[in-house]
Amino acid sequence: MPPRTPDAVAGPAWVPPAGKTPLSSRMMRATWRGLPAKRHEVGWEPGLLVPAADGSPLITDHYFPRAEGDFPTLLVRSPYGRGLPWSPQYGLLFAEQGFHVVLQSCRGTGGSGGAFDLWRNEAADGQATMSWLRKQPWFDGTLGTVGPSYLGYVQWALALDPPPELKAMVVQVGLHDPYALFYADGALRLENALAVGAGMTYQHQGMAPFLRATLRLQRGLRAITTAQPLRGAYESALGGEVPWLDDVMTHPDAKATYWDGASLADSAERLRVPTALITGWYDALVDQTFEQYDRLRQSGCETALLVGPWTHTSALQRGWPEVFAESLAWLRAHLYDDPSGLRPTAVRVHIGGENAWRDLDEWPPAAAATSWYPISGEHLTQQPPTASAPLTSFRYDPADPTPSIGGPLLSRTAGPRDNSTLEARSDVLTFTSPPLTEPLDILGPVSARLSISTDTGHADIFTRLCDVNPQGRSVNICDGLGRLQTTEHVPSQVTVPMSSTTHRFAVGHRIRWQISGGAHPRYARNPGTGDSPVDATSFAPVRITVHTHSALMLPSSSGLA
């Protein structure tokens, strides 16, 4: 079968409407650089009414190439509206390349009827939209999906029962498990929860309301996140009560019935639709992407993985040329039978510390786990300790919580940051290796194996890997948080996953292991009393002791050479 080209095949007698694409979208399109030349002029059919599963009208915009012939369709369902940046990034750009693009507002958002209910309606409404698509004269029976964040969640929802027309998916910085977005080991990811609350409440209303809400949240963040109790404190920034956000913040147990059906992890375990996954090392959802990649590979589904030096938002900003090129190549390969743009390997990752890209055959690549041990004098060594004993301790006070700096967040403060100010605090432990005499490559999942005791039995442990350059600048690479509930003064063993990385520690650089009792407001502070962080009105400081035989586990490899 010859490759299908996007430049006209005889199709049904459909007369496209005369509407032009929005001026704001065309103006934004003109600012982008490094994108492929457009193949077609684009038309726009706004305000179509598509029945949801309950009959509510889903407001839908249709972008299309102004050319004769058949073109495959991309379905993009969003709770964030259909204006900027979704109109130019998905409607306009992909239609230019030879796709019909159906850009739809989820139920209860962007003018669509019904009520928005986080995650619960997406599978049924996706199937209802498919029923509508099959009746359209321009739909040629070939479908793909594409989109980031919650727009990835709706793709996984459709994939629970994939329609036969679905031939390709591209999930960018995507979500499949809402619980894991909001919680880490039962600890509330507070800053992310507030950011999602602002986005879900205001972004579908337009950029101006969304920006005003974001600014209110930024200005009031300290007051909101230090309120006692925390419950309801967000209302001043978000303009009132947000019921689903209250529900999220008050259900820390992953096994609670509230979370039933929320995770769509199983959709990847039997999927046969070729799926490309795109994320960034500082994306708040990076671990969810790795989980889905692993499931897809184990199920035998054709998949590809791209990991860049991005946060959740910068992947769609400074990373957009790479993200768009990857997405377009995958969709052309599977909707046009044109694999010419695909790379030769399944995985491409950006190497931190080297600022270079590498193609890999698999993720994670084969790597030997090496242990680095903390010893007295704040040193980090590969020599295991000979005796088990308390090593050092620090006092965590929730009334003056250890602040968060950078990392995988949804906000503008995400990403790699200088940790020097943080590490100068008395409630932050650091253990640092000697300067390296040869490069050290880290590829894959990082974790901490900790022996910890506390004087209250209630604490969180935040652990972070940093790269210290010869000038002493300490930059965060990856991290994680674990929750402790232990017998007072009795050492407890806990393993804390610290996400994954591909990073080269250069000659002369040092490896630093950072340990503290929290990272606020990224995570809600542990009150130290066993009470709910959302309802606590009093706090108890806790002394946390790190014992020998704790270890930082690094997947070392020479595979980057």
Protein backbone atom coordinates (compact mmCIF):
# COMPACT_ATOMS: atom_id res chain seq x y z
CA MET A 1 0.00 0.00 0.00
CA PRO A 2 1.59 3.34 -1.02
CA PRO A 3 1.97 6.02 1.66
CA ARG A 4 -1.06 8.22 2.00
CA THR A 5 -0.18 11.86 1.47
CA PRO A 6 -1.94 14.82 3.06
CA ASP A 7 -2.33 16.58 -0.27
CA ALA A 8 -5.68 15.39 -1.58
CA VAL A 9 -7.41 12.12 -2.18
CA ALA A 10 -10.85 12.07 -3.73
CA GLY A 11 -13.45 12.39 -0.99
CA PRO A 12 -17.13 12.94 -0.26
CA ALA A 13 -19.01 15.91 -1.62
CA TRP A 14 -18.72 18.18 1.40
CA VAL A 15 -18.82 21.94 0.93
CA PRO A 16 -16.72 23.61 3.64
CA PRO A 17 -18.10 26.77 5.28
CA ALA A 18 -16.44 30.09 4.63
CA GLY A 19 -15.51 30.99 8.21
CA LYS A 20 -11.98 32.23 8.92
CA THR A 21 -9.99 31.06 11.93
CA PRO A 22 -9.90 33.44 14.93
CA LEU A 23 -7.64 36.46 14.48
CA SER A 24 -6.02 35.90 17.89
CA SER A 25 -5.05 32.39 16.81
CA ARG A 26 -3.55 33.61 13.55
CA MET A 27 -1.58 36.28 15.43
CA MET A 28 -0.18 33.73 17.88
CA ARG A 29 0.62 31.38 15.00
CA ALA A 30 2.76 34.11 13.45
CA THR A 31 4.97 34.32 16.56
CA TRP A 32 6.14 30.68 16.50
CA ARG A 33 9.46 29.70 15.01
CA GLY A 34 10.94 26.33 14.11
CA LEU A 35 7.66 24.77 12.96
CA PRO A 36 7.13 23.05 9.59
CA ALA A 37 5.72 25.05 6.73
CA LYS A 38 1.95 24.83 6.42
CA ARG A 39 0.52 22.62 3.70
CA HIS A 40 -2.99 24.08 3.58
CA GLU A 41 -5.00 27.17 4.33
CA VAL A 42 -7.38 26.51 7.19
CA GLY A 43 -11.11 26.98 7.60
CA TRP A 44 -13.14 27.16 10.79
CA GLU A 45 -16.61 25.97 11.71
CA PRO A 46 -17.27 27.17 15.29
CA GLY A 47 -20.04 26.51 17.77
CA LEU A 48 -21.22 23.08 16.66
CA LEU A 49 -23.50 21.30 19.14
CA VAL A 50 -22.56 17.71 19.89
CA PRO A 51 -24.80 15.71 22.26
CA ALA A 52 -23.06 14.45 25.40
CA ALA A 53 -23.93 11.06 26.86
CA ASP A 54 -26.65 12.73 28.95
CA GLY A 55 -27.87 14.85 26.03
CA SER A 56 -26.16 18.07 27.15
CA PRO A 57 -24.74 20.11 24.26
CA LEU A 58 -20.96 19.98 23.98
CA ILE A 59 -19.74 23.11 22.20
CA THR A 60 -17.36 22.06 19.44
CA ASP A 61 -15.19 23.89 16.90
CA HIS A 62 -14.16 22.24 13.65
CA TYR A 63 -10.89 23.22 11.91
CA PHE A 64 -10.21 21.82 8.47
CA PRO A 65 -7.84 22.09 5.50
CA ARG A 66 -9.21 24.21 2.68
CA ALA A 67 -8.54 21.59 0.03
CA GLU A 68 -10.43 18.90 -1.78
CA GLY A 69 -10.03 15.32 -0.62
CA ASP A 70 -10.19 13.11 2.42
CA PHE A 71 -8.29 13.97 5.57
CA PRO A 72 -8.10 12.09 8.87
CA THR A 73 -9.60 13.62 12.00
CA LEU A 74 -8.04 14.56 15.33
CA LEU A 75 -10.25 14.71 18.41
CA VAL A 76 -9.17 17.19 21.10
CA ARG A 77 -11.45 17.40 24.16
CA SER A 78 -10.63 20.10 26.73
CA PRO A 79 -11.97 21.49 30.02
CA TYR A 80 -9.89 24.66 29.49
CA GLY A 81 -11.86 26.31 26.72
CA ARG A 82 -11.35 26.43 22.97
CA GLY A 83 -9.53 29.77 22.71
CA LEU A 84 -5.87 30.54 23.35
CA PRO A 85 -3.65 28.58 23.28
CA TRP A 86 -5.72 25.57 22.18
CA SER A 87 -7.11 27.14 19.01
CA PRO A 88 -3.73 27.94 17.41
CA GLN A 89 -1.70 25.05 18.88
CA TYR A 90 -4.13 22.28 18.05
CA GLY A 91 -6.87 23.61 15.77
CA LEU A 92 -4.86 25.78 13.43
CA LEU A 93 -1.45 24.05 13.35
CA PHE A 94 -2.71 20.52 12.82
CA ALA A 95 -5.32 21.56 10.26
CA GLU A 96 -2.53 23.27 8.31
CA GLN A 97 -0.80 19.90 8.12
CA GLY A 98 -3.79 18.06 6.67
CA PHE A 99 -6.14 17.08 9.50
CA HIS A 100 -9.69 17.81 10.45
CA VAL A 101 -9.50 18.95 14.07
CA VAL A 102 -12.48 18.64 16.39
CA LEU A 103 -11.82 20.89 19.40
CA GLN A 104 -14.51 20.34 22.03
CA SER A 105 -15.25 21.77 25.48
CA CYS A 106 -15.89 19.09 28.09
CA ARG A 107 -19.24 18.93 29.82
CA GLY A 108 -19.89 21.97 32.00
CA THR A 109 -16.95 24.01 30.61
CA GLY A 110 -16.44 26.55 27.83
CA GLY A 111 -20.18 26.98 27.24
CA SER A 112 -20.96 23.27 27.07
CA GLY A 113 -24.07 22.14 28.92
CA GLY A 114 -24.30 20.04 32.06
CA ALA A 115 -22.04 20.18 35.10
CA PHE A 116 -18.31 19.53 35.13
CA ASP A 117 -17.49 16.56 37.36
CA LEU A 118 -13.77 15.94 37.51
CA TRP A 119 -12.96 12.76 35.48
CA ARG A 120 -16.37 11.07 35.80
CA ASN A 121 -17.99 11.88 32.44
CA GLU A 122 -15.11 11.70 30.00
CA ALA A 123 -15.40 8.08 28.84
CA ALA A 124 -19.13 8.34 28.11
CA ASP A 125 -18.87 11.77 26.47
CA GLY A 126 -15.96 10.63 24.30
CA GLN A 127 -18.06 7.75 22.99
CA ALA A 128 -21.00 10.10 22.41
CA THR A 129 -18.74 12.38 20.38
CA MET A 130 -17.66 9.38 18.30
CA SER A 131 -21.31 8.66 17.50
CA TRP A 132 -21.67 12.24 16.25
CA LEU A 133 -18.44 12.06 14.23
CA ARG A 134 -19.58 9.02 12.31
CA LYS A 135 -22.48 11.06 10.91
CA GLN A 136 -20.31 13.89 9.56
CA PRO A 137 -19.81 13.92 5.77
CA TRP A 138 -16.15 14.97 6.12
CA PHE A 139 -15.22 12.16 8.56
CA ASP A 140 -13.37 9.50 6.58
CA GLY A 141 -13.28 6.88 9.33
CA THR A 142 -9.68 7.52 10.43
CA LEU A 143 -9.22 9.08 13.88
CA GLY A 144 -6.36 10.20 16.08
CA THR A 145 -6.26 11.98 19.43
CA VAL A 146 -3.77 14.49 20.78
CA GLY A 147 -3.42 16.82 23.73
CA PRO A 148 -1.72 17.62 27.06
CA SER A 149 -2.55 17.26 30.76
CA TYR A 150 -6.31 16.68 31.25
CA LEU A 151 -6.55 16.53 27.45
CA GLY A 152 -4.44 13.39 27.86
CA TYR A 153 -6.84 12.05 30.48
CA VAL A 154 -9.76 12.21 28.05
CA GLN A 155 -7.67 10.23 25.55
CA TRP A 156 -7.14 7.45 28.10
CA ALA A 157 -10.87 7.59 28.86
CA LEU A 158 -11.67 6.96 25.19
CA ALA A 159 -9.06 4.18 25.15
CA LEU A 160 -10.95 2.26 27.84
CA ASP A 161 -13.13 1.05 24.97
CA PRO A 162 -11.29 2.27 21.89
CA PRO A 163 -13.50 2.81 18.85
CA PRO A 164 -12.37 0.94 15.74
CA GLU A 165 -11.66 4.23 13.97
CA LEU A 166 -9.00 5.19 16.55
CA LYS A 167 -5.61 4.61 14.91
CA ALA A 168 -3.19 6.75 16.95
CA MET A 169 -2.86 8.66 20.22
CA VAL A 170 -0.39 11.36 21.31
CA VAL A 171 -0.45 12.02 25.06
CA GLN A 172 1.58 15.11 25.96
CA VAL A 173 2.54 15.75 29.63
CA GLY A 174 -0.54 13.64 30.25
CA LEU A 175 -2.65 12.59 33.20
CA HIS A 176 -4.14 9.16 33.80
CA ASP A 177 -4.36 9.01 37.62
CA PRO A 178 -5.93 12.02 39.37
CA TYR A 179 -5.06 10.68 42.82
CA ALA A 180 -1.35 10.64 41.99
CA LEU A 181 -1.62 14.23 40.72
CA PHE A 182 -2.98 15.36 44.08
CA TYR A 183 -1.21 13.05 46.54
CA ALA A 184 2.22 11.50 47.20
CA ASP A 185 2.11 8.67 49.72
CA GLY A 186 -0.98 10.26 51.28
CA ALA A 187 0.58 13.75 51.48
CA LEU A 188 -1.43 16.45 49.71
CA ARG A 189 0.37 18.07 46.78
CA LEU A 190 -1.05 21.39 47.91
CA GLU A 191 0.43 23.78 45.36
CA ASN A 192 -0.59 21.56 42.45
CA ALA A 193 -4.11 21.18 43.84
CA LEU A 194 -4.52 24.96 44.01
CA ALA A 195 -3.12 25.41 40.50
CA VAL A 196 -5.53 22.80 39.12
CA GLY A 197 -8.35 24.51 40.98
CA ALA A 198 -7.58 27.83 39.30
CA GLY A 199 -7.18 26.23 35.88
CA MET A 200 -10.36 24.17 36.01
CA THR A 201 -12.40 27.06 37.41
CA TYR A 202 -11.25 29.89 35.17
CA GLN A 203 -9.26 28.86 32.10
CA HIS A 204 -12.33 27.81 30.11
CA GLN A 205 -13.74 31.30 30.69
CA GLY A 206 -10.92 32.90 28.71
CA MET A 207 -7.35 34.02 29.23
CA ALA A 208 -8.20 37.27 31.06
CA PRO A 209 -10.26 35.66 33.87
CA PHE A 210 -7.70 32.87 34.15
CA LEU A 211 -4.76 35.28 34.44
CA ARG A 212 -6.57 37.35 37.07
CA ALA A 213 -7.30 34.22 39.11
CA THR A 214 -3.69 33.07 38.76
CA LEU A 215 -2.42 36.43 40.01
CA ARG A 216 -4.83 36.35 42.96
CA LEU A 217 -3.57 32.88 43.81
CA GLN A 218 0.07 33.95 43.59
CA ARG A 219 -0.50 37.01 45.77
CA GLY A 220 -2.45 35.06 48.36
CA LEU A 221 -0.46 31.82 48.24
CA ARG A 222 1.30 32.27 51.56
CA ALA A 223 -1.88 33.21 53.44
CA ILE A 224 -3.82 30.37 51.84
CA THR A 225 -1.23 27.66 52.43
CA THR A 226 -0.48 28.67 56.04
CA ALA A 227 -4.13 29.05 57.12
CA GLN A 228 -5.29 27.13 60.18
CA PRO A 229 -7.30 25.17 59.21
CA LEU A 230 -6.33 24.80 55.58
CA ARG A 231 -9.85 23.74 54.55
CA GLY A 232 -11.62 26.47 52.55
CA ALA A 233 -8.71 28.92 52.64
CA TYR A 234 -8.47 28.91 48.83
CA GLU A 235 -11.91 30.53 48.41
CA SER A 236 -10.55 34.10 48.45
CA ALA A 237 -8.40 33.35 45.39
CA LEU A 238 -10.82 31.11 43.50
CA GLY A 239 -13.90 33.25 44.06
CA GLY A 240 -15.78 30.86 46.33
CA GLU A 241 -16.23 27.20 47.08
CA VAL A 242 -15.05 24.62 44.53
CA PRO A 243 -16.79 21.39 45.61
CA TRP A 244 -14.57 18.96 43.70
CA LEU A 245 -11.46 20.62 45.15
CA ASP A 246 -12.85 20.24 48.67
CA ASP A 247 -13.50 16.58 47.91
CA VAL A 248 -9.96 16.07 46.63
CA MET A 249 -8.38 17.77 49.66
CA THR A 250 -10.38 15.73 52.15
CA HIS A 251 -9.82 12.27 50.65
CA PRO A 252 -6.13 11.41 51.21
CA ASP A 253 -6.70 7.65 51.11
CA ALA A 254 -6.22 6.19 47.63
CA LYS A 255 -8.57 3.34 48.57
CA ALA A 256 -11.49 5.64 49.45
CA THR A 257 -14.59 5.06 47.32
CA TYR A 258 -14.30 8.68 46.21
CA TRP A 259 -11.41 7.66 43.94
CA ASP A 260 -13.17 4.63 42.42
CA GLY A 261 -12.83 4.79 38.65
CA ALA A 262 -10.57 7.83 38.71
CA SER A 263 -7.42 6.06 37.54
CA LEU A 264 -7.36 4.98 33.90
CA ALA A 265 -4.12 3.03 34.27
CA ASP A 266 -5.76 -0.17 33.07
CA SER A 267 -6.57 1.36 29.69
CA ALA A 268 -2.94 0.90 28.63
CA GLU A 269 -2.76 -2.75 29.64
CA ARG A 270 -4.88 -4.00 26.73
CA LEU A 271 -4.49 -1.13 24.27
CA ARG A 272 -3.47 -1.82 20.69
CA VAL A 273 -3.66 1.77 19.43
CA PRO A 274 -0.14 3.12 18.64
CA THR A 275 0.56 5.70 21.34
CA ALA A 276 3.28 8.35 21.62
CA LEU A 277 4.08 9.74 25.08
CA ILE A 278 5.75 13.10 25.70
CA THR A 279 6.89 14.55 29.02
CA GLY A 280 9.58 16.64 30.70
CA TRP A 281 11.97 15.82 33.52
CA TYR A 282 10.32 18.50 35.67
CA ASP A 283 6.76 17.75 34.59
CA ALA A 284 4.40 17.24 37.54
CA LEU A 285 3.09 14.16 35.69
CA VAL A 286 6.40 12.67 34.54
CA ASP A 287 6.02 9.54 36.67
CA GLN A 288 2.56 8.89 35.24
CA THR A 289 4.06 8.99 31.75
CA PHE A 290 6.70 6.42 32.70
CA GLU A 291 4.02 4.19 34.22
CA GLN A 292 1.98 4.27 31.03
CA TYR A 293 5.04 3.66 28.85
CA ASP A 294 5.85 0.57 30.91
CA ARG A 295 2.27 -0.72 30.65
CA LEU A 296 2.11 -0.14 26.91
CA ARG A 297 5.40 -1.93 26.31
CA GLN A 298 4.36 -4.88 28.46
CA SER A 299 1.08 -5.18 26.56
CA GLY A 300 2.90 -5.22 23.22
CA CYS A 301 1.43 -1.90 22.08
CA GLU A 302 3.51 0.17 19.68
CA THR A 303 4.71 3.20 21.60
CA ALA A 304 7.32 5.94 21.65
CA LEU A 305 8.64 8.15 24.44
CA LEU A 306 10.10 11.67 24.33
CA VAL A 307 11.43 13.29 27.53
CA GLY A 308 12.74 16.85 27.33
CA PRO A 309 14.25 19.40 29.74
CA TRP A 310 10.80 20.82 30.42
CA THR A 311 8.24 21.52 33.10
CA HIS A 312 4.52 20.84 32.66
CA THR A 313 3.98 24.24 31.05
CA SER A 314 7.30 24.86 29.30
CA ALA A 315 6.83 21.69 27.23
CA LEU A 316 4.07 23.57 25.38
CA GLN A 317 6.07 26.82 25.26
CA ARG A 318 9.83 26.67 24.65
CA GLY A 319 9.57 22.94 24.02
CA TRP A 320 6.74 23.28 21.50
CA PRO A 321 8.85 22.87 18.30
CA GLU A 322 10.09 19.46 19.50
CA VAL A 323 6.71 18.45 20.95
CA PHE A 324 4.84 19.43 17.79
CA ALA A 325 7.36 17.71 15.50
CA GLU A 326 7.15 14.49 17.55
CA SER A 327 3.34 14.60 17.60
CA LEU A 328 3.02 15.35 13.90
CA ALA A 329 5.45 12.59 12.89
CA TRP A 330 3.53 10.02 14.95
CA LEU A 331 0.14 11.06 13.57
CA ARG A 332 1.37 11.08 9.96
CA ALA A 333 2.93 7.65 10.43
CA HIS A 334 -0.28 6.08 11.70
CA LEU A 335 -3.03 8.10 10.03
CA TYR A 336 -1.32 8.60 6.66
CA ASP A 337 0.82 5.44 6.53
CA ASP A 338 3.86 7.70 6.22
CA PRO A 339 6.60 6.68 8.70
CA SER A 340 9.29 8.86 7.10
CA GLY A 341 9.34 11.30 10.03
CA LEU A 342 9.75 8.70 12.77
CA ARG A 343 13.08 8.37 14.57
CA PRO A 344 14.82 4.97 14.49
CA THR A 345 14.52 4.26 18.23
CA ALA A 346 11.54 4.10 20.58
CA VAL A 347 12.96 6.51 23.16
CA ARG A 348 14.55 9.95 23.01
CA VAL A 349 15.67 11.71 26.20
CA HIS A 350 17.39 14.95 27.03
CA ILE A 351 20.55 14.56 29.11
CA GLY A 352 20.78 17.00 32.01
CA GLY A 353 24.25 18.33 32.79
CA GLU A 354 25.24 17.75 29.16
CA ASN A 355 22.43 19.62 27.36
CA ALA A 356 22.21 16.97 24.66
CA TRP A 357 19.68 14.48 23.30
CA ARG A 358 20.15 10.71 23.17
CA ASP A 359 18.19 8.01 21.38
CA LEU A 360 17.65 4.82 23.39
CA ASP A 361 16.12 1.48 22.55
CA GLU A 362 14.18 1.20 25.79
CA TRP A 363 13.29 2.92 29.05
CA PRO A 364 14.76 2.60 31.53
CA PRO A 365 18.00 1.45 29.93
CA ALA A 366 20.06 -1.24 31.62
CA ALA A 367 21.85 0.32 34.58
CA ALA A 368 23.42 -0.98 37.76
CA ALA A 369 21.98 0.43 40.99
CA THR A 370 24.75 1.92 43.10
CA SER A 371 24.44 2.92 46.76
CA TRP A 372 25.79 6.16 48.18
CA TYR A 373 25.90 6.33 51.98
CA PRO A 374 25.71 9.36 54.29
CA ILE A 375 28.48 9.54 56.91
CA SER A 376 29.46 11.98 59.63
CA GLY A 377 30.80 15.31 58.48
CA GLU A 378 27.97 15.65 55.92
CA HIS A 379 29.84 13.46 53.46
CA LEU A 380 28.46 11.03 50.86
CA THR A 381 30.47 7.93 50.03
CA GLN A 382 30.17 4.59 48.29
CA GLN A 383 31.75 2.82 51.25
CA PRO A 384 29.03 1.17 53.37
CA PRO A 385 29.08 1.90 57.11
CA THR A 386 30.39 -0.78 59.43
CA ALA A 387 27.97 -0.16 62.31
CA SER A 388 24.33 0.78 62.75
CA ALA A 389 23.78 3.89 64.84
CA PRO A 390 22.11 7.30 64.80
CA LEU A 391 23.97 9.54 62.34
CA THR A 392 22.45 13.00 62.74
CA SER A 393 19.13 14.68 63.42
CA PHE A 394 17.21 17.86 62.76
CA ARG A 395 14.10 19.59 64.07
CA TYR A 396 11.17 20.13 61.72
CA ASP A 397 8.70 22.77 62.87
CA PRO A 398 5.42 22.91 60.91
CA ALA A 399 4.91 26.45 62.21
CA ASP A 400 8.00 27.39 60.15
CA PRO A 401 7.87 24.74 57.41
CA THR A 402 10.83 23.95 55.21
CA PRO A 403 10.09 25.78 51.94
CA SER A 404 9.96 24.19 48.51
CA ILE A 405 12.23 25.36 45.72
CA GLY A 406 11.69 24.28 42.11
CA GLY A 407 10.96 20.71 41.11
CA PRO A 408 8.05 19.13 39.22
CA LEU A 409 5.25 21.64 39.76
CA LEU A 410 2.42 23.09 37.65
CA SER A 411 3.42 26.68 38.47
CA ARG A 412 6.00 29.06 37.01
CA THR A 413 8.36 28.24 39.91
CA ALA A 414 8.88 24.68 38.61
CA GLY A 415 12.14 23.30 37.29
CA PRO A 416 15.82 23.34 38.26
CA ARG A 417 16.74 25.99 40.83
CA ASP A 418 19.69 27.02 42.97
CA ASN A 419 19.13 25.28 46.33
CA SER A 420 21.85 27.15 48.24
CA THR A 421 19.48 29.24 50.37
CA LEU A 422 17.36 26.21 51.19
CA GLU A 423 20.38 24.12 52.14
CA ALA A 424 21.58 26.80 54.58
CA ARG A 425 18.57 26.14 56.83
CA SER A 426 19.04 24.18 60.04
CA ASP A 427 16.12 21.86 59.13
CA VAL A 428 17.77 20.65 55.91
CA LEU A 429 20.46 17.95 55.96
CA THR A 430 22.93 17.65 53.08
CA PHE A 431 25.45 14.91 52.35
CA THR A 432 27.92 15.64 49.55
CA SER A 433 30.38 13.50 47.63
CA PRO A 434 33.97 14.52 46.85
CA PRO A 435 34.50 16.15 43.44
CA LEU A 436 34.18 13.53 40.72
CA THR A 437 37.34 12.56 38.88
CA GLU A 438 35.40 11.11 35.94
CA PRO A 439 31.88 11.71 34.61
CA LEU A 440 29.02 9.84 36.26
CA ASP A 441 25.91 9.06 34.22
CA ILE A 442 22.58 8.46 35.96
CA LEU A 443 19.83 6.86 33.84
CA GLY A 444 16.56 5.68 35.30
CA PRO A 445 14.64 5.69 38.59
CA VAL A 446 16.30 7.17 41.68
CA SER A 447 15.26 6.27 45.23
CA ALA A 448 16.25 6.73 48.86
CA ARG A 449 16.44 3.89 51.36
CA LEU A 450 16.17 5.52 54.76
CA SER A 451 16.47 4.40 58.34
CA ILE A 452 14.54 7.04 60.29
CA SER A 453 13.28 7.58 63.80
CA THR A 454 11.18 10.43 65.23
CA ASP A 455 10.18 11.61 68.69
CA THR A 456 6.46 11.94 67.84
CA GLY A 457 5.80 9.08 65.42
CA HIS A 458 4.43 11.44 62.75
CA ALA A 459 6.59 13.04 60.05
CA ASP A 460 7.22 13.45 56.34
CA ILE A 461 10.58 12.88 54.68
CA PHE A 462 11.53 14.91 51.62
CA THR A 463 14.62 13.68 49.81
CA ARG A 464 16.32 15.28 46.79
CA LEU A 465 19.25 14.64 44.44
CA CYS A 466 21.30 17.72 43.50
CA ASP A 467 24.27 18.48 41.25
CA VAL A 468 26.85 20.81 42.85
CA ASN A 469 29.16 22.56 40.41
CA PRO A 470 32.75 23.65 41.21
CA GLN A 471 31.48 27.09 42.25
CA GLY A 472 29.19 25.50 44.87
CA ARG A 473 25.84 26.03 43.11
CA SER A 474 23.49 23.19 44.05
CA VAL A 475 20.77 22.43 41.48
CA ASN A 476 17.91 19.97 42.02
CA ILE A 477 17.70 16.97 39.68
CA CYS A 478 14.86 14.82 41.07
CA ASP A 479 13.16 14.22 44.42
CA GLY A 480 10.34 12.55 46.33
CA LEU A 481 8.39 12.58 49.59
CA GLY A 482 7.38 9.77 51.95
CA ARG A 483 5.05 9.79 54.96
CA LEU A 484 6.06 8.19 58.25
CA GLN A 485 3.86 6.78 61.00
CA THR A 486 6.21 5.02 63.39
CA THR A 487 6.72 4.12 67.02
CA GLU A 488 8.41 6.99 68.82
CA HIS A 489 12.22 6.78 68.89
CA VAL A 490 12.23 3.39 67.09
CA PRO A 491 14.08 3.35 63.75
CA SER A 492 11.87 2.59 60.77
CA GLN A 493 12.94 1.56 57.28
CA VAL A 494 11.30 3.47 54.44
CA THR A 495 12.03 3.60 50.71
CA VAL A 496 11.10 6.88 49.01
CA PRO A 497 10.84 6.90 45.18
CA MET A 498 12.51 10.03 43.80
CA SER A 499 11.27 9.90 40.20
CA SER A 500 13.70 9.30 37.32
CA THR A 501 16.38 11.18 35.46
CA THR A 502 19.02 11.04 32.78
CA HIS A 503 21.81 13.24 34.05
CA ARG A 504 25.57 13.51 33.63
CA PHE A 505 27.56 14.65 36.66
CA ALA A 506 30.63 16.20 35.07
CA VAL A 507 34.23 15.99 36.27
CA GLY A 508 34.70 18.32 39.23
CA HIS A 509 31.00 18.27 40.14
CA ARG A 510 29.70 16.71 43.36
CA ILE A 511 26.65 14.61 44.14
CA ARG A 512 24.48 16.00 46.93
CA TRP A 513 21.74 14.22 48.86
CA GLN A 514 19.32 16.58 50.56
CA ILE A 515 16.95 15.44 53.35
CA SER A 516 14.28 17.49 55.15
CA GLY A 517 10.88 17.16 56.80
CA GLY A 518 8.83 18.66 54.00
CA ALA A 519 8.67 21.06 51.07
CA HIS A 520 5.99 23.70 51.62
CA PRO A 521 3.70 24.72 49.93
CA ARG A 522 4.42 22.06 47.33
CA TYR A 523 3.16 19.60 49.94
CA ALA A 524 0.77 20.45 52.77
CA ARG A 525 2.78 20.54 55.98
CA ASN A 526 2.57 17.57 58.29
CA PRO A 527 1.16 18.92 61.59
CA GLY A 528 3.18 16.35 63.57
CA THR A 529 0.14 15.32 65.59
CA GLY A 530 -1.46 12.69 63.39
CA ASP A 531 -4.32 15.08 62.58
CA SER A 532 -5.44 15.80 59.04
CA PRO A 533 -3.27 18.53 57.46
CA VAL A 534 -6.46 20.03 56.01
CA ASP A 535 -8.21 20.39 59.39
CA ALA A 536 -5.30 20.81 61.82
CA THR A 537 -5.36 23.93 63.99
CA SER A 538 -2.34 23.09 66.12
CA PHE A 539 1.14 21.83 65.30
CA ALA A 540 3.84 19.82 67.08
CA PRO A 541 7.52 20.10 66.10
CA VAL A 542 9.24 16.77 65.48
CA ARG A 543 12.86 15.71 65.78
CA ILE A 544 13.86 13.46 62.90
CA THR A 545 16.94 11.26 63.22
CA VAL A 546 18.72 9.70 60.25
CA HIS A 547 20.54 6.45 61.02
CA THR A 548 23.48 4.82 59.30
CA HIS A 549 22.70 2.27 56.61
CA SER A 550 20.50 4.85 54.92
CA ALA A 551 21.41 5.05 51.24
CA LEU A 552 20.81 7.05 48.09
CA MET A 553 20.22 4.61 45.22
CA LEU A 554 21.46 5.81 41.82
CA PRO A 555 21.11 3.87 38.53
CA SER A 556 24.61 4.39 37.13
CA SER A 557 25.57 3.61 33.55
CA SER A 558 28.14 4.40 30.92
CA GLY A 559 25.39 4.39 28.30
CA LEU A 560 25.56 8.12 27.57
CA ALA A 561 29.10 8.07 26.26
